C-alpha atoms as a PDB file:
ATOM      1  CA  UNK A   1      -0.098  -0.155  -0.048  1.00  0.00           C
ATOM      2  CA  UNK A   2       1.311   3.450  -0.640  1.00  0.00           C
ATOM      3  CA  UNK A   3       1.977   5.875   1.619  1.00  0.00           C
ATOM      4  CA  UNK A   4       1.790   9.676   2.695  1.00  0.00           C
ATOM      5  CA  UNK A   5      -1.100  11.567   1.169  1.00  0.00           C
ATOM      6  CA  UNK A   6      -1.762  13.368  -2.567  1.00  0.00           C
ATOM      7  CA  UNK A   7      -2.894  16.688  -3.188  1.00  0.00           C
ATOM      8  CA  UNK A   8      -5.232  16.924  -6.270  1.00  0.00           C
ATOM      9  CA  UNK A   9      -6.363  20.013  -7.812  1.00  0.00           C
ATOM     10  CA  UNK A  10      -7.600  21.642 -11.119  1.00  0.00           C
ATOM     11  CA  UNK A  11      -6.547  24.558 -12.332  1.00  0.00           C
ATOM     12  CA  UNK A  12      -7.216  26.786 -15.380  1.00  0.00           C
ATOM     13  CA  UNK A  13      -4.404  29.830 -15.636  1.00  0.00           C
ATOM     14  CA  UNK A  14      -3.844  32.693 -17.431  1.00  0.00           C
ATOM     15  CA  UNK A  15      -0.229  34.396 -18.018  1.00  0.00           C
ATOM     16  CA  UNK A  16       0.787  32.333 -14.914  1.00  0.00           C
ATOM     17  CA  UNK A  17      -2.511  33.300 -12.791  1.00  0.00           C
ATOM     18  CA  UNK A  18      -5.101  31.203 -11.213  1.00  0.00           C
ATOM     19  CA  UNK A  19      -8.656  31.956 -13.091  1.00  0.00           C
ATOM     20  CA  UNK A  20     -10.605  29.222 -11.227  1.00  0.00           C
ATOM     21  CA  UNK A  21      -8.761  27.611  -7.290  1.00  0.00           C
ATOM     22  CA  UNK A  22      -8.987  27.792  -3.785  1.00  0.00           C
ATOM     23  CA  UNK A  23      -7.273  31.092  -3.427  1.00  0.00           C
ATOM     24  CA  UNK A  24     -10.136  32.470  -6.184  1.00  0.00           C
ATOM     25  CA  UNK A  25     -12.598  30.965  -4.009  1.00  0.00           C
ATOM     26  CA  UNK A  26     -11.204  31.958  -0.880  1.00  0.00           C
ATOM     27  CA  UNK A  27     -11.193  35.318  -2.344  1.00  0.00           C
ATOM     28  CA  UNK A  28     -15.228  35.303  -3.374  1.00  0.00           C
ATOM     29  CA  UNK A  29     -15.804  34.189   0.371  1.00  0.00           C
ATOM     30  CA  UNK A  30     -14.329  36.775   1.761  1.00  0.00           C
ATOM     31  CA  UNK A  31     -16.032  39.352  -0.599  1.00  0.00           C
ATOM     32  CA  UNK A  32     -19.167  37.736   0.874  1.00  0.00           C
ATOM     33  CA  UNK A  33     -18.285  38.037   4.116  1.00  0.00           C
ATOM     34  CA  UNK A  34     -16.913  41.537   4.492  1.00  0.00           C
ATOM     35  CA  UNK A  35     -18.733  43.788   1.219  1.00  0.00           C
ATOM     36  CA  UNK A  36     -15.457  44.894   0.216  1.00  0.00           C
ATOM     37  CA  UNK A  37     -13.202  44.052  -2.514  1.00  0.00           C
ATOM     38  CA  UNK A  38     -10.847  46.096  -0.572  1.00  0.00           C
ATOM     39  CA  UNK A  39     -11.092  44.185   2.894  1.00  0.00           C
ATOM     40  CA  UNK A  40     -11.739  40.851   1.100  1.00  0.00           C
ATOM     41  CA  UNK A  41      -8.264  41.544  -0.816  1.00  0.00           C
ATOM     42  CA  UNK A  42      -6.497  42.041   2.708  1.00  0.00           C
ATOM     43  CA  UNK A  43      -8.068  39.016   4.505  1.00  0.00           C
ATOM     44  CA  UNK A  44      -6.838  36.736   2.062  1.00  0.00           C
ATOM     45  CA  UNK A  45      -3.695  38.365   1.520  1.00  0.00           C
ATOM     46  CA  UNK A  46      -4.243  40.375  -2.217  1.00  0.00           C
ATOM     47  CA  UNK A  47      -3.356  43.103  -3.698  1.00  0.00           C
ATOM     48  CA  UNK A  48      -6.355  45.481  -4.438  1.00  0.00           C
ATOM     49  CA  UNK A  49      -5.200  44.940  -8.470  1.00  0.00           C
ATOM     50  CA  UNK A  50      -4.842  41.237  -8.085  1.00  0.00           C
ATOM     51  CA  UNK A  51      -8.038  40.971  -6.608  1.00  0.00           C
ATOM     52  CA  UNK A  52      -9.468  42.909  -9.358  1.00  0.00           C
ATOM     53  CA  UNK A  53      -8.041  40.891 -11.624  1.00  0.00           C
ATOM     54  CA  UNK A  54      -9.000  37.609 -10.118  1.00  0.00           C
ATOM     55  CA  UNK A  55     -12.551  38.340 -10.091  1.00  0.00           C
ATOM     56  CA  UNK A  56     -12.979  39.755 -13.833  1.00  0.00           C
ATOM     57  CA  UNK A  57     -11.538  36.912 -15.245  1.00  0.00           C
ATOM     58  CA  UNK A  58     -13.908  34.683 -13.243  1.00  0.00           C
ATOM     59  CA  UNK A  59     -16.717  36.942 -14.358  1.00  0.00           C
ATOM     60  CA  UNK A  60     -15.769  35.805 -17.897  1.00  0.00           C
ATOM     61  CA  UNK A  61     -15.634  32.342 -17.351  1.00  0.00           C
ATOM     62  CA  UNK A  62     -19.113  32.408 -16.477  1.00  0.00           C
ATOM     63  CA  UNK A  63     -22.454  33.071 -18.463  1.00  0.00           C
ATOM     64  CA  UNK A  64     -23.464  35.327 -15.701  1.00  0.00           C
ATOM     65  CA  UNK A  65     -21.608  37.490 -13.047  1.00  0.00           C
ATOM     66  CA  UNK A  66     -19.810  35.975 -10.236  1.00  0.00           C
ATOM     67  CA  UNK A  67     -19.426  39.332  -8.210  1.00  0.00           C
ATOM     68  CA  UNK A  68     -20.654  42.554  -8.794  1.00  0.00           C
ATOM     69  CA  UNK A  69     -20.014  46.277  -7.343  1.00  0.00           C
ATOM     70  CA  UNK A  70     -22.414  48.501  -5.489  1.00  0.00           C
ATOM     71  CA  UNK A  71     -22.845  52.104  -5.971  1.00  0.00           C
ATOM     72  CA  UNK A  72     -20.510  54.227  -4.567  1.00  0.00           C
ATOM     73  CA  UNK A  73     -17.664  53.586  -6.395  1.00  0.00           C
ATOM     74  CA  UNK A  74     -13.869  52.653  -5.311  1.00  0.00           C
ATOM     75  CA  UNK A  75     -13.537  54.412  -2.020  1.00  0.00           C
ATOM     76  CA  UNK A  76     -17.066  54.486  -0.974  1.00  0.00           C
ATOM     77  CA  UNK A  77     -18.832  51.588  -2.615  1.00  0.00           C
ATOM     78  CA  UNK A  78     -18.668  47.870  -1.754  1.00  0.00           C
ATOM     79  CA  UNK A  79     -18.913  44.136  -3.732  1.00  0.00           C
ATOM     80  CA  UNK A  80     -21.223  41.274  -3.175  1.00  0.00           C
ATOM     81  CA  UNK A  81     -21.254  37.779  -4.196  1.00  0.00           C
ATOM     82  CA  UNK A  82     -24.070  36.826  -6.663  1.00  0.00           C
ATOM     83  CA  UNK A  83     -25.873  33.693  -6.707  1.00  0.00           C
ATOM     84  CA  UNK A  84     -24.141  32.736  -9.110  1.00  0.00           C
ATOM     85  CA  UNK A  85     -20.936  33.383  -7.206  1.00  0.00           C
ATOM     86  CA  UNK A  86     -22.304  31.285  -4.477  1.00  0.00           C
ATOM     87  CA  UNK A  87     -22.704  28.253  -6.845  1.00  0.00           C
ATOM     88  CA  UNK A  88     -19.397  27.847  -7.991  1.00  0.00           C
ATOM     89  CA  UNK A  89     -18.268  28.410  -3.904  1.00  0.00           C
ATOM     90  CA  UNK A  90     -20.360  25.634  -3.615  1.00  0.00           C
ATOM     91  CA  UNK A  91     -19.328  23.515  -6.868  1.00  0.00           C
ATOM     92  CA  UNK A  92     -15.572  24.381  -5.927  1.00  0.00           C
ATOM     93  CA  UNK A  93     -16.020  22.705  -1.849  1.00  0.00           C
ATOM     94  CA  UNK A  94     -18.284  19.689  -3.798  1.00  0.00           C
ATOM     95  CA  UNK A  95     -15.252  19.096  -6.437  1.00  0.00           C
ATOM     96  CA  UNK A  96     -12.583  19.349  -3.764  1.00  0.00           C
ATOM     97  CA  UNK A  97     -14.504  16.580  -1.514  1.00  0.00           C
ATOM     98  CA  UNK A  98     -14.337  14.765  -4.460  1.00  0.00           C
ATOM     99  CA  UNK A  99     -11.077  14.968  -5.254  1.00  0.00           C
ATOM    100  CA  UNK A 100     -10.136  14.182  -1.505  1.00  0.00           C
ATOM    101  CA  UNK A 101     -11.541  10.885  -1.750  1.00  0.00           C
ATOM    102  CA  UNK A 102     -10.533  10.100  -5.182  1.00  0.00           C
ATOM    103  CA  UNK A 103      -6.378  11.232  -3.498  1.00  0.00           C
ATOM    104  CA  UNK A 104      -7.157   9.218  -0.811  1.00  0.00           C
ATOM    105  CA  UNK A 105      -8.184   5.877  -2.919  1.00  0.00           C
ATOM    106  CA  UNK A 106      -5.242   6.263  -5.004  1.00  0.00           C
ATOM    107  CA  UNK A 107      -3.019   6.863  -1.693  1.00  0.00           C
ATOM    108  CA  UNK A 108      -4.170   3.425  -0.771  1.00  0.00           C
ATOM    109  CA  UNK A 109      -4.976   1.299  -3.655  1.00  0.00           C
ATOM    110  CA  UNK A 110      -3.002   2.710  -6.903  1.00  0.00           C
ATOM    111  CA  UNK A 111      -4.576   4.397  -9.736  1.00  0.00           C
ATOM    112  CA  UNK A 112      -6.380   0.867 -10.309  1.00  0.00           C
ATOM    113  CA  UNK A 113     -10.047   2.284 -10.658  1.00  0.00           C
ATOM    114  CA  UNK A 114      -9.747   5.413 -10.592  1.00  0.00           C
ATOM    115  CA  UNK A 115      -9.161   6.853 -14.117  1.00  0.00           C
ATOM    116  CA  UNK A 116     -11.717   9.441 -13.247  1.00  0.00           C
ATOM    117  CA  UNK A 117      -8.476  11.198 -11.534  1.00  0.00           C
ATOM    118  CA  UNK A 118      -6.856  12.066 -14.413  1.00  0.00           C
ATOM    119  CA  UNK A 119      -9.861  13.998 -15.640  1.00  0.00           C
ATOM    120  CA  UNK A 120     -10.548  15.727 -12.833  1.00  0.00           C
ATOM    121  CA  UNK A 121      -6.804  17.618 -12.212  1.00  0.00           C
ATOM    122  CA  UNK A 122      -6.321  17.900 -16.136  1.00  0.00           C
ATOM    123  CA  UNK A 123      -5.338  21.474 -16.215  1.00  0.00           C
ATOM    124  CA  UNK A 124      -4.502  24.394 -19.425  1.00  0.00           C
ATOM    125  CA  UNK A 125      -1.722  27.526 -19.277  1.00  0.00           C
ATOM    126  CA  UNK A 126      -2.722  30.247 -21.446  1.00  0.00           C
ATOM    127  CA  UNK A 127      -0.932  33.661 -22.134  1.00  0.00           C
ATOM    128  CA  UNK A 128      -4.333  35.677 -23.076  1.00  0.00           C
ATOM    129  CA  UNK A 129      -5.967  37.642 -20.921  1.00  0.00           C
ATOM    130  CA  UNK A 130      -9.200  38.064 -22.218  1.00  0.00           C
ATOM    131  CA  UNK A 131     -10.724  34.351 -21.834  1.00  0.00           C
ATOM    132  CA  UNK A 132     -14.457  33.667 -22.249  1.00  0.00           C
ATOM    133  CA  UNK A 133     -16.084  30.806 -22.071  1.00  0.00           C
ATOM    134  CA  UNK A 134     -18.730  30.807 -24.792  1.00  0.00           C
ATOM    135  CA  UNK A 135     -21.167  28.876 -26.936  1.00  0.00           C
ATOM    136  CA  UNK A 136     -20.570  28.217 -31.122  1.00  0.00           C
ATOM    137  CA  UNK A 137     -24.155  29.136 -32.687  1.00  0.00           C
ATOM    138  CA  UNK A 138     -22.868  29.408 -36.363  1.00  0.00           C
ATOM    139  CA  UNK A 139     -19.958  27.638 -38.430  1.00  0.00           C
ATOM    140  CA  UNK A 140     -20.088  28.937 -41.678  1.00  0.00           C
ATOM    141  CA  UNK A 141     -17.412  26.457 -44.280  1.00  0.00           C
ATOM    142  CA  UNK A 142     -15.382  27.996 -46.870  1.00  0.00           C
ATOM    143  CA  UNK A 143     -12.881  26.333 -49.129  1.00  0.00           C
ATOM    144  CA  UNK A 144     -10.041  27.212 -46.912  1.00  0.00           C
ATOM    145  CA  UNK A 145     -11.569  28.097 -43.543  1.00  0.00           C
ATOM    146  CA  UNK A 146     -14.215  28.450 -41.358  1.00  0.00           C
ATOM    147  CA  UNK A 147     -15.838  31.222 -39.550  1.00  0.00           C
ATOM    148  CA  UNK A 148     -17.121  30.851 -36.092  1.00  0.00           C
ATOM    149  CA  UNK A 149     -19.811  32.618 -34.409  1.00  0.00           C
ATOM    150  CA  UNK A 150     -20.036  32.358 -30.721  1.00  0.00           C
ATOM    151  CA  UNK A 151     -22.247  33.825 -28.269  1.00  0.00           C
ATOM    152  CA  UNK A 152     -20.058  35.060 -25.029  1.00  0.00           C
ATOM    153  CA  UNK A 153     -23.061  36.991 -23.612  1.00  0.00           C
ATOM    154  CA  UNK A 154     -26.769  37.824 -24.256  1.00  0.00           C
ATOM    155  CA  UNK A 155     -25.840  41.003 -26.494  1.00  0.00           C
ATOM    156  CA  UNK A 156     -22.268  40.291 -27.930  1.00  0.00           C
ATOM    157  CA  UNK A 157     -20.726  37.457 -30.100  1.00  0.00           C
ATOM    158  CA  UNK A 158     -16.977  37.084 -30.978  1.00  0.00           C
ATOM    159  CA  UNK A 159     -16.387  35.962 -34.632  1.00  0.00           C
ATOM    160  CA  UNK A 160     -13.300  33.672 -34.775  1.00  0.00           C
ATOM    161  CA  UNK A 161     -11.609  32.050 -38.372  1.00  0.00           C
ATOM    162  CA  UNK A 162      -9.638  28.728 -38.225  1.00  0.00           C
ATOM    163  CA  UNK A 163      -8.725  26.252 -40.400  1.00  0.00           C
ATOM    164  CA  UNK A 164     -11.036  23.758 -42.147  1.00  0.00           C
ATOM    165  CA  UNK A 165      -8.569  21.267 -40.017  1.00  0.00           C
ATOM    166  CA  UNK A 166      -8.888  22.449 -36.704  1.00  0.00           C
ATOM    167  CA  UNK A 167     -12.756  23.298 -36.653  1.00  0.00           C
ATOM    168  CA  UNK A 168     -12.465  19.532 -37.671  1.00  0.00           C
ATOM    169  CA  UNK A 169     -10.589  18.412 -34.827  1.00  0.00           C
ATOM    170  CA  UNK A 170     -12.195  20.814 -31.873  1.00  0.00           C
ATOM    171  CA  UNK A 171     -15.387  19.202 -33.298  1.00  0.00           C
ATOM    172  CA  UNK A 172     -17.106  22.711 -33.737  1.00  0.00           C
ATOM    173  CA  UNK A 173     -20.623  22.807 -34.215  1.00  0.00           C
ATOM    174  CA  UNK A 174     -23.617  24.667 -32.868  1.00  0.00           C
ATOM    175  CA  UNK A 175     -23.889  24.203 -29.409  1.00  0.00           C
ATOM    176  CA  UNK A 176     -20.412  23.295 -28.708  1.00  0.00           C
ATOM    177  CA  UNK A 177     -19.170  24.901 -25.459  1.00  0.00           C
ATOM    178  CA  UNK A 178     -15.769  26.318 -26.174  1.00  0.00           C
ATOM    179  CA  UNK A 179     -13.488  28.787 -24.687  1.00  0.00           C
ATOM    180  CA  UNK A 180     -12.536  32.297 -26.988  1.00  0.00           C
ATOM    181  CA  UNK A 181      -9.145  33.537 -26.106  1.00  0.00           C
ATOM    182  CA  UNK A 182      -7.957  36.948 -27.401  1.00  0.00           C
ATOM    183  CA  UNK A 183      -4.435  38.442 -26.368  1.00  0.00           C
ATOM    184  CA  UNK A 184      -4.366  42.054 -25.005  1.00  0.00           C
ATOM    185  CA  UNK A 185      -2.019  43.241 -27.149  1.00  0.00           C
ATOM    186  CA  UNK A 186      -4.189  42.260 -29.981  1.00  0.00           C
ATOM    187  CA  UNK A 187      -6.963  44.694 -28.853  1.00  0.00           C
ATOM    188  CA  UNK A 188      -7.273  47.964 -30.227  1.00  0.00           C
ATOM    189  CA  UNK A 189      -9.166  50.759 -28.192  1.00  0.00           C
ATOM    190  CA  UNK A 190     -10.861  53.956 -30.271  1.00  0.00           C
ATOM    191  CA  UNK A 191     -13.229  56.603 -28.313  1.00  0.00           C
ATOM    192  CA  UNK A 192     -16.910  55.226 -28.312  1.00  0.00           C
ATOM    193  CA  UNK A 193     -18.116  58.565 -30.232  1.00  0.00           C
ATOM    194  CA  UNK A 194     -16.323  56.986 -33.599  1.00  0.00           C
ATOM    195  CA  UNK A 195     -18.266  54.933 -35.776  1.00  0.00           C
ATOM    196  CA  UNK A 196     -18.058  51.404 -35.526  1.00  0.00           C
ATOM    197  CA  UNK A 197     -15.083  49.532 -37.805  1.00  0.00           C
ATOM    198  CA  UNK A 198     -16.094  47.272 -40.215  1.00  0.00           C
ATOM    199  CA  UNK A 199     -15.254  44.046 -38.521  1.00  0.00           C
ATOM    200  CA  UNK A 200     -17.500  41.737 -36.568  1.00  0.00           C
ATOM    201  CA  UNK A 201     -15.660  41.752 -33.191  1.00  0.00           C
ATOM    202  CA  UNK A 202     -16.778  45.302 -31.830  1.00  0.00           C
ATOM    203  CA  UNK A 203     -17.533  45.722 -28.195  1.00  0.00           C
ATOM    204  CA  UNK A 204     -18.973  48.809 -26.550  1.00  0.00           C
ATOM    205  CA  UNK A 205     -18.207  49.403 -22.758  1.00  0.00           C
ATOM    206  CA  UNK A 206     -16.613  51.851 -20.071  1.00  0.00           C
ATOM    207  CA  UNK A 207     -12.895  51.686 -19.014  1.00  0.00           C
ATOM    208  CA  UNK A 208     -13.201  50.847 -15.310  1.00  0.00           C
ATOM    209  CA  UNK A 209      -9.203  51.077 -14.522  1.00  0.00           C
ATOM    210  CA  UNK A 210      -6.186  52.607 -16.850  1.00  0.00           C
ATOM    211  CA  UNK A 211      -2.794  51.532 -15.760  1.00  0.00           C
ATOM    212  CA  UNK A 212       0.298  53.114 -17.297  1.00  0.00           C
ATOM    213  CA  UNK A 213       3.652  52.075 -17.665  1.00  0.00           C
ATOM    214  CA  UNK A 214       6.538  53.677 -19.331  1.00  0.00           C
ATOM    215  CA  UNK A 215       5.504  52.489 -22.819  1.00  0.00           C
ATOM    216  CA  UNK A 216       2.296  50.964 -22.387  1.00  0.00           C
ATOM    217  CA  UNK A 217      -1.204  51.234 -20.635  1.00  0.00           C
ATOM    218  CA  UNK A 218      -3.512  48.301 -19.274  1.00  0.00           C
ATOM    219  CA  UNK A 219      -7.431  48.880 -20.119  1.00  0.00           C
ATOM    220  CA  UNK A 220      -9.838  47.177 -18.398  1.00  0.00           C
ATOM    221  CA  UNK A 221     -13.415  47.626 -20.290  1.00  0.00           C
ATOM    222  CA  UNK A 222     -16.355  46.597 -18.472  1.00  0.00           C
ATOM    223  CA  UNK A 223     -18.345  45.798 -21.735  1.00  0.00           C
ATOM    224  CA  UNK A 224     -22.141  44.676 -19.694  1.00  0.00           C
ATOM    225  CA  UNK A 225     -23.517  41.183 -18.390  1.00  0.00           C
ATOM    226  CA  UNK A 226     -20.399  41.123 -15.946  1.00  0.00           C
ATOM    227  CA  UNK A 227     -17.654  40.755 -18.479  1.00  0.00           C
ATOM    228  CA  UNK A 228     -14.172  42.418 -18.882  1.00  0.00           C
ATOM    229  CA  UNK A 229     -12.331  43.163 -21.843  1.00  0.00           C
ATOM    230  CA  UNK A 230      -8.466  44.173 -21.382  1.00  0.00           C
ATOM    231  CA  UNK A 231      -6.063  45.983 -23.664  1.00  0.00           C
ATOM    232  CA  UNK A 232      -2.908  46.796 -23.623  1.00  0.00           C
ATOM    233  CA  UNK A 233      -1.952  49.287 -26.151  1.00  0.00           C
ATOM    234  CA  UNK A 234       0.990  51.921 -26.287  1.00  0.00           C
ATOM    235  CA  UNK A 235       0.575  54.718 -23.662  1.00  0.00           C
ATOM    236  CA  UNK A 236       0.862  57.591 -26.486  1.00  0.00           C
ATOM    237  CA  UNK A 237      -2.323  56.438 -28.412  1.00  0.00           C
ATOM    238  CA  UNK A 238      -4.425  56.359 -24.821  1.00  0.00           C
ATOM    239  CA  UNK A 239      -3.203  59.342 -23.967  1.00  0.00           C
ATOM    240  CA  UNK A 240      -4.093  60.679 -27.225  1.00  0.00           C
ATOM    241  CA  UNK A 241      -7.935  59.694 -27.109  1.00  0.00           C
ATOM    242  CA  UNK A 242      -8.101  61.014 -23.419  1.00  0.00           C
ATOM    243  CA  UNK A 243      -8.990  57.868 -21.980  1.00  0.00           C
ATOM    244  CA  UNK A 244      -9.814  57.540 -18.347  1.00  0.00           C
ATOM    245  CA  UNK A 245     -11.703  55.812 -15.972  1.00  0.00           C
ATOM    246  CA  UNK A 246     -15.420  56.331 -16.525  1.00  0.00           C
ATOM    247  CA  UNK A 247     -15.556  56.835 -20.262  1.00  0.00           C
ATOM    248  CA  UNK A 248     -16.928  54.856 -22.973  1.00  0.00           C
ATOM    249  CA  UNK A 249     -15.001  53.170 -25.400  1.00  0.00           C
ATOM    250  CA  UNK A 250     -14.458  50.874 -28.111  1.00  0.00           C
ATOM    251  CA  UNK A 251     -12.801  47.416 -28.094  1.00  0.00           C
ATOM    252  CA  UNK A 252     -11.976  45.423 -31.536  1.00  0.00           C
ATOM    253  CA  UNK A 253     -10.120  42.856 -32.399  1.00  0.00           C
ATOM    254  CA  UNK A 254      -9.358  40.656 -35.710  1.00  0.00           C
ATOM    255  CA  UNK A 255     -11.796  37.190 -36.277  1.00  0.00           C
ATOM    256  CA  UNK A 256      -8.009  35.566 -36.884  1.00  0.00           C
ATOM    257  CA  UNK A 257      -6.933  36.999 -33.690  1.00  0.00           C
ATOM    258  CA  UNK A 258      -9.081  35.025 -31.878  1.00  0.00           C
ATOM    259  CA  UNK A 259      -7.994  31.133 -30.415  1.00  0.00           C
ATOM    260  CA  UNK A 260     -10.582  28.618 -29.784  1.00  0.00           C
ATOM    261  CA  UNK A 261     -10.346  25.970 -27.224  1.00  0.00           C
ATOM    262  CA  UNK A 262     -12.477  22.634 -25.931  1.00  0.00           C
ATOM    263  CA  UNK A 263     -12.731  20.473 -23.365  1.00  0.00           C
END
């Protein structure tokens, strides 16, 4: 009989940071307890920015937000965990309990009969900041490539272009669940007053955060239904547009820059 304990975990990561995992769930629990993102971040040892990155990433992967802010702004407002967030917390703990039972069985008896363990511990490491859980609504095949339309919220869709080989390998068809990934550097910004560009992937939203570095600026755009689009663009372009927190803006990206992944 094997000795010791096996710690099994499932993690989805973006640029080395957990999207969903034990620390993220603890953060949501702290928000539910304290009603404040600032207090919750302090309670679990997150920086304020890291806490916001975490909850935005979780919201992008869920059909409805797990976390919302209350009126009052960054200094005077609060935050709360929605019913969707509470379901996520409960589901995660049920999964942890199941994984604990599986790991105990493996520690005692080995892997025989525990094939499900391999499925539960599969993880992905990705470099894209924008990760959206979506559903395929249309697949249009052409001789060279395939146009795939995916619904990410009640009002927004994403158009992706993949090769015929990729579409077949991924099993893309209407109703298929998939992840749509877009690197933040591929997202272009424009003032909301500008005429929408001709490409299909155009998201209108409000700037919730602007972080400036020497050369680039990181812009977080609330595009509605709990979804956040992140863009990293040259700082001088952001300054030329005069974008600041609270401003409306357009986020666009090319369909060829969308990466699709399926479970």
